[in-house]
Amino acid sequence: MRPLSILLLATCTSILLPGAGWSEDAPYTVKGRTFDFPTPTGFCMPNSANSNEAEFVRTVQALMANSGNTVVKVAAECSQIRRRGADRSRRVSDYIVYYYVNGTESESLEGSAQSHRKALCDDMRQQGDASVADVPDIVAKTAKELNSKLTVSGVKVLGVLAEDAHGCYVGLLANTRDNGGPFTMNVDMLATVIHGRSIFVALYSEYKNPSESQKSLRLEEAIAADLDSKNPD
């Protein structure tokens, strides 16, 4: 299982996008079960009818297609994705991705969700920098395919930052460069089990300072609680 490879790798060809405008959420079928994946307040679904927003999605799709994970849903901070829609050069740094690891499509875990979550979190504690060592190469390969200037020069796994009844939260930082110049990407990744299926949720933001990173972690914890409440067993 390589869930940490999602750093900047956030979708695949099966992504579900609205036809136009800002769509309301709809149920998603994942691994044979139906899920409600909430969109956090202030986030919007990309508009596939807008060529600039669609390009952002295609870039993320291509990255994930090379990373071994399947995205079910992506949403971006509303003002950022709307600015990107009006101006192709604008960066979208704040977005959220629901996904699962390829090869787990037939997964059906029996028994207590809490025990499976603990086992998954124990596995996350074993993940280190080696688990994301190939991310710069994956990004370089994809950038070449897309004629993009996106690069990642270094990735740091911060480990499990917190654990609660909803799952655990892994932190990552990546030194990144795009058309707008260099920046550090902050990623908070939820690892959880719902309906007997392992699900991951990655929340991306541009790193600013430790206080802002804590806010991102708190938001990810709130998303996890909302995800649980919307998907009771």
Protein backbone atom coordinates (compact mmCIF):
# COMPACT_ATOMS: atom_id res chain seq x y z
CA MET A 1 0.00 0.00 0.00
CA ARG A 2 1.45 3.38 -1.06
CA PRO A 3 -1.06 6.02 0.12
CA LEU A 4 1.67 8.60 0.83
CA SER A 5 2.49 8.80 -2.87
CA ILE A 6 -0.44 11.20 -3.20
CA LEU A 7 1.78 14.17 -2.43
CA LEU A 8 0.80 16.50 -5.27
CA LEU A 9 -0.65 13.45 -7.00
CA ALA A 10 -4.30 13.92 -6.69
CA THR A 11 -6.56 12.19 -9.20
CA CYS A 12 -7.09 9.74 -12.02
CA THR A 13 -9.22 9.26 -15.11
CA SER A 14 -12.24 8.11 -13.12
CA ILE A 15 -12.71 11.46 -11.37
CA LEU A 16 -16.31 12.63 -11.25
CA LEU A 17 -16.82 16.22 -12.30
CA PRO A 18 -19.94 18.37 -12.71
CA GLY A 19 -20.98 19.32 -16.20
CA ALA A 20 -21.04 23.03 -15.43
CA GLY A 21 -21.22 25.49 -12.56
CA TRP A 22 -20.77 24.54 -8.92
CA SER A 23 -22.54 21.23 -8.43
CA GLU A 24 -24.07 19.86 -5.27
CA ASP A 25 -22.63 16.62 -3.94
CA ALA A 26 -23.98 13.28 -5.11
CA PRO A 27 -23.38 9.77 -3.76
CA TYR A 28 -20.22 8.03 -4.96
CA THR A 29 -19.84 4.28 -5.43
CA VAL A 30 -16.44 3.05 -4.24
CA LYS A 31 -15.40 -0.60 -3.98
CA GLY A 32 -19.02 -1.70 -4.26
CA ARG A 33 -20.35 0.58 -1.50
CA THR A 34 -22.06 3.97 -1.62
CA PHE A 35 -20.39 6.93 0.09
CA ASP A 36 -21.22 10.55 0.77
CA PHE A 37 -17.96 12.53 0.51
CA PRO A 38 -18.59 16.02 1.96
CA THR A 39 -17.30 19.21 0.39
CA PRO A 40 -15.90 21.46 3.14
CA THR A 41 -17.31 24.95 3.51
CA GLY A 42 -15.43 27.29 1.20
CA PHE A 43 -14.53 24.56 -1.31
CA CYS A 44 -16.11 24.04 -4.74
CA MET A 45 -16.14 21.35 -7.39
CA PRO A 46 -14.10 22.26 -10.50
CA ASN A 47 -16.14 23.26 -13.53
CA SER A 48 -15.32 20.88 -16.37
CA ALA A 49 -16.85 23.31 -18.88
CA ASN A 50 -14.12 25.85 -18.08
CA SER A 51 -10.91 25.04 -20.00
CA ASN A 52 -8.58 26.47 -17.33
CA GLU A 53 -10.20 24.55 -14.49
CA ALA A 54 -10.31 21.43 -16.63
CA GLU A 55 -6.57 21.79 -17.30
CA PHE A 56 -5.89 21.90 -13.56
CA VAL A 57 -7.88 18.70 -13.15
CA ARG A 58 -6.12 17.01 -16.09
CA THR A 59 -2.72 17.84 -14.60
CA VAL A 60 -3.71 16.30 -11.29
CA GLN A 61 -5.25 13.34 -13.11
CA ALA A 62 -2.03 12.64 -14.96
CA LEU A 63 0.02 12.86 -11.76
CA MET A 64 -2.16 10.36 -9.93
CA ALA A 65 -2.33 8.02 -12.89
CA ASN A 66 1.44 7.60 -12.45
CA SER A 67 1.28 7.14 -8.67
CA GLY A 68 -0.89 4.07 -8.10
CA ASN A 69 -3.93 5.68 -6.47
CA THR A 70 -7.49 6.32 -7.67
CA VAL A 71 -9.27 9.56 -6.85
CA VAL A 72 -12.99 9.54 -6.30
CA LYS A 73 -13.51 13.26 -5.74
CA VAL A 74 -11.58 16.52 -5.81
CA ALA A 75 -12.69 19.98 -4.71
CA ALA A 76 -10.75 23.24 -4.50
CA GLU A 77 -10.94 26.43 -2.47
CA CYS A 78 -13.66 28.39 -4.26
CA SER A 79 -11.89 31.70 -4.83
CA GLN A 80 -8.73 29.96 -6.06
CA ILE A 81 -10.47 27.73 -8.58
CA ARG A 82 -12.59 30.62 -9.83
CA ARG A 83 -9.48 32.79 -10.30
CA ARG A 84 -7.87 29.88 -12.14
CA GLY A 85 -10.97 29.70 -14.31
CA ALA A 86 -10.44 33.32 -15.32
CA ASP A 87 -6.63 33.18 -15.59
CA ARG A 88 -4.73 30.04 -16.61
CA SER A 89 -1.57 31.20 -14.77
CA ARG A 90 -3.19 31.35 -11.33
CA ARG A 91 -2.09 28.73 -8.81
CA VAL A 92 -4.56 26.42 -7.05
CA SER A 93 -2.79 25.38 -3.86
CA ASP A 94 -5.74 24.65 -1.55
CA TYR A 95 -7.72 21.56 -2.51
CA ILE A 96 -9.00 18.28 -1.13
CA VAL A 97 -8.86 14.78 -2.61
CA TYR A 98 -10.77 11.61 -1.66
CA TYR A 99 -9.02 8.52 -2.99
CA TYR A 100 -8.06 4.88 -2.50
CA VAL A 101 -5.00 2.78 -3.32
CA ASN A 102 -5.08 0.80 -6.56
CA GLY A 103 -5.34 -2.94 -6.02
CA THR A 104 -7.80 -2.61 -3.12
CA GLU A 105 -10.93 -2.51 -5.31
CA SER A 106 -12.17 -5.88 -3.97
CA GLU A 107 -11.37 -5.01 -0.35
CA SER A 108 -14.10 -5.83 2.19
CA LEU A 109 -12.93 -5.66 5.80
CA GLU A 110 -15.15 -7.47 8.30
CA GLY A 111 -15.50 -6.53 11.94
CA SER A 112 -15.01 -3.34 13.92
CA ALA A 113 -14.20 -0.19 11.97
CA GLN A 114 -12.22 1.05 14.98
CA SER A 115 -9.94 -1.99 14.99
CA HIS A 116 -9.31 -1.64 11.24
CA ARG A 117 -8.62 2.07 11.64
CA LYS A 118 -6.09 1.35 14.35
CA ALA A 119 -4.35 -1.25 12.17
CA LEU A 120 -4.26 1.21 9.26
CA CYS A 121 -2.84 3.93 11.50
CA ASP A 122 -0.20 1.54 12.81
CA ASP A 123 0.80 0.96 9.18
CA MET A 124 0.96 4.72 8.59
CA ARG A 125 3.41 5.03 11.48
CA GLN A 126 5.78 2.78 9.58
CA GLN A 127 5.78 5.11 6.55
CA GLY A 128 8.79 7.40 6.21
CA ASP A 129 10.60 9.49 3.63
CA ALA A 130 11.46 6.36 1.62
CA SER A 131 7.75 5.90 0.85
CA VAL A 132 7.70 9.18 -1.09
CA ALA A 133 11.24 9.08 -2.49
CA ASP A 134 9.92 8.54 -6.02
CA VAL A 135 7.56 11.54 -5.99
CA PRO A 136 10.06 13.95 -7.65
CA ASP A 137 10.58 11.42 -10.46
CA ILE A 138 6.83 10.86 -10.87
CA VAL A 139 6.25 14.62 -11.06
CA ALA A 140 9.12 15.05 -13.55
CA LYS A 141 7.77 12.26 -15.77
CA THR A 142 4.28 13.70 -15.72
CA ALA A 143 5.49 17.27 -16.30
CA LYS A 144 7.33 16.09 -19.38
CA GLU A 145 4.20 14.35 -20.67
CA LEU A 146 2.15 17.52 -20.14
CA ASN A 147 4.86 20.02 -21.13
CA SER A 148 4.53 21.52 -17.64
CA LYS A 149 7.04 23.36 -15.45
CA LEU A 150 5.86 21.67 -12.24
CA THR A 151 8.71 20.19 -10.16
CA VAL A 152 9.14 18.73 -6.68
CA SER A 153 12.68 18.81 -5.30
CA GLY A 154 12.18 17.30 -1.86
CA VAL A 155 9.53 15.61 0.27
CA LYS A 156 9.42 15.28 4.05
CA VAL A 157 7.09 12.91 5.90
CA LEU A 158 6.17 14.47 9.25
CA GLY A 159 4.59 11.26 10.52
CA VAL A 160 1.27 10.73 12.26
CA LEU A 161 0.33 14.14 13.67
CA ALA A 162 -2.83 13.01 15.47
CA GLU A 163 -5.20 10.08 15.89
CA ASP A 164 -8.83 10.04 17.02
CA ALA A 165 -11.94 7.90 16.67
CA HIS A 166 -12.25 8.85 12.98
CA GLY A 167 -8.76 7.75 11.91
CA CYS A 168 -5.26 9.21 11.90
CA TYR A 169 -3.67 12.21 10.24
CA VAL A 170 -0.31 12.10 8.48
CA GLY A 171 1.62 15.26 7.64
CA LEU A 172 3.88 15.89 4.63
CA LEU A 173 5.80 18.85 3.23
CA ALA A 174 7.11 19.21 -0.32
CA ASN A 175 9.40 21.78 -1.91
CA THR A 176 7.52 22.63 -5.08
CA ARG A 177 7.89 24.93 -8.08
CA ASP A 178 5.39 25.84 -10.78
CA ASN A 179 4.85 28.70 -13.22
CA GLY A 180 4.33 31.03 -10.26
CA GLY A 181 7.67 30.17 -8.66
CA PRO A 182 8.73 28.10 -5.64
CA PHE A 183 6.52 27.28 -2.68
CA THR A 184 6.17 24.61 0.00
CA MET A 185 3.11 22.38 -0.15
CA ASN A 186 1.57 21.26 3.14
CA VAL A 187 -0.46 18.02 3.06
CA ASP A 188 -2.65 16.61 5.83
CA MET A 189 -3.76 13.08 4.97
CA LEU A 190 -6.58 11.24 6.74
CA ALA A 191 -6.33 7.44 6.76
CA THR A 192 -9.57 5.71 7.75
CA VAL A 193 -11.86 2.72 7.18
CA ILE A 194 -15.54 3.22 6.35
CA HIS A 195 -18.03 0.54 5.27
CA GLY A 196 -15.17 -1.96 5.44
CA ARG A 197 -13.11 -0.02 2.88
CA SER A 198 -9.87 1.89 3.42
CA ILE A 199 -10.30 5.51 2.34
CA PHE A 200 -7.79 8.36 2.26
CA VAL A 201 -8.46 12.09 2.25
CA ALA A 202 -5.65 14.51 1.41
CA LEU A 203 -6.00 18.20 2.23
CA TYR A 204 -3.49 20.39 0.37
CA SER A 205 -2.46 23.95 1.20
CA GLU A 206 0.50 26.24 0.71
CA TYR A 207 2.70 26.15 3.82
CA LYS A 208 2.88 29.52 5.59
CA ASN A 209 3.77 28.90 9.23
CA PRO A 210 3.18 26.35 12.02
CA SER A 211 0.02 28.11 13.18
CA GLU A 212 -1.58 27.87 9.72
CA SER A 213 -0.53 24.23 9.50
CA GLN A 214 -2.36 23.55 12.75
CA LYS A 215 -5.47 25.16 11.26
CA SER A 216 -5.21 22.79 8.30
CA LEU A 217 -4.96 19.83 10.66
CA ARG A 218 -8.01 21.01 12.59
CA LEU A 219 -9.93 21.33 9.31
CA GLU A 220 -8.91 17.81 8.30
CA GLU A 221 -10.15 16.50 11.67
CA ALA A 222 -13.48 18.28 11.12
CA ILE A 223 -13.74 16.76 7.63
CA ALA A 224 -13.11 13.31 9.12
CA ALA A 225 -15.89 13.78 11.67
CA ASP A 226 -18.27 14.97 8.95
CA LEU A 227 -17.30 12.02 6.76
CA ASP A 228 -18.13 9.61 9.56
CA SER A 229 -21.46 11.29 10.33
CA LYS A 230 -22.54 11.12 6.68
CA ASN A 231 -21.57 7.44 6.30
CA PRO A 232 -22.94 5.49 9.28
CA ASP A 233 -22.58 1.72 9.23
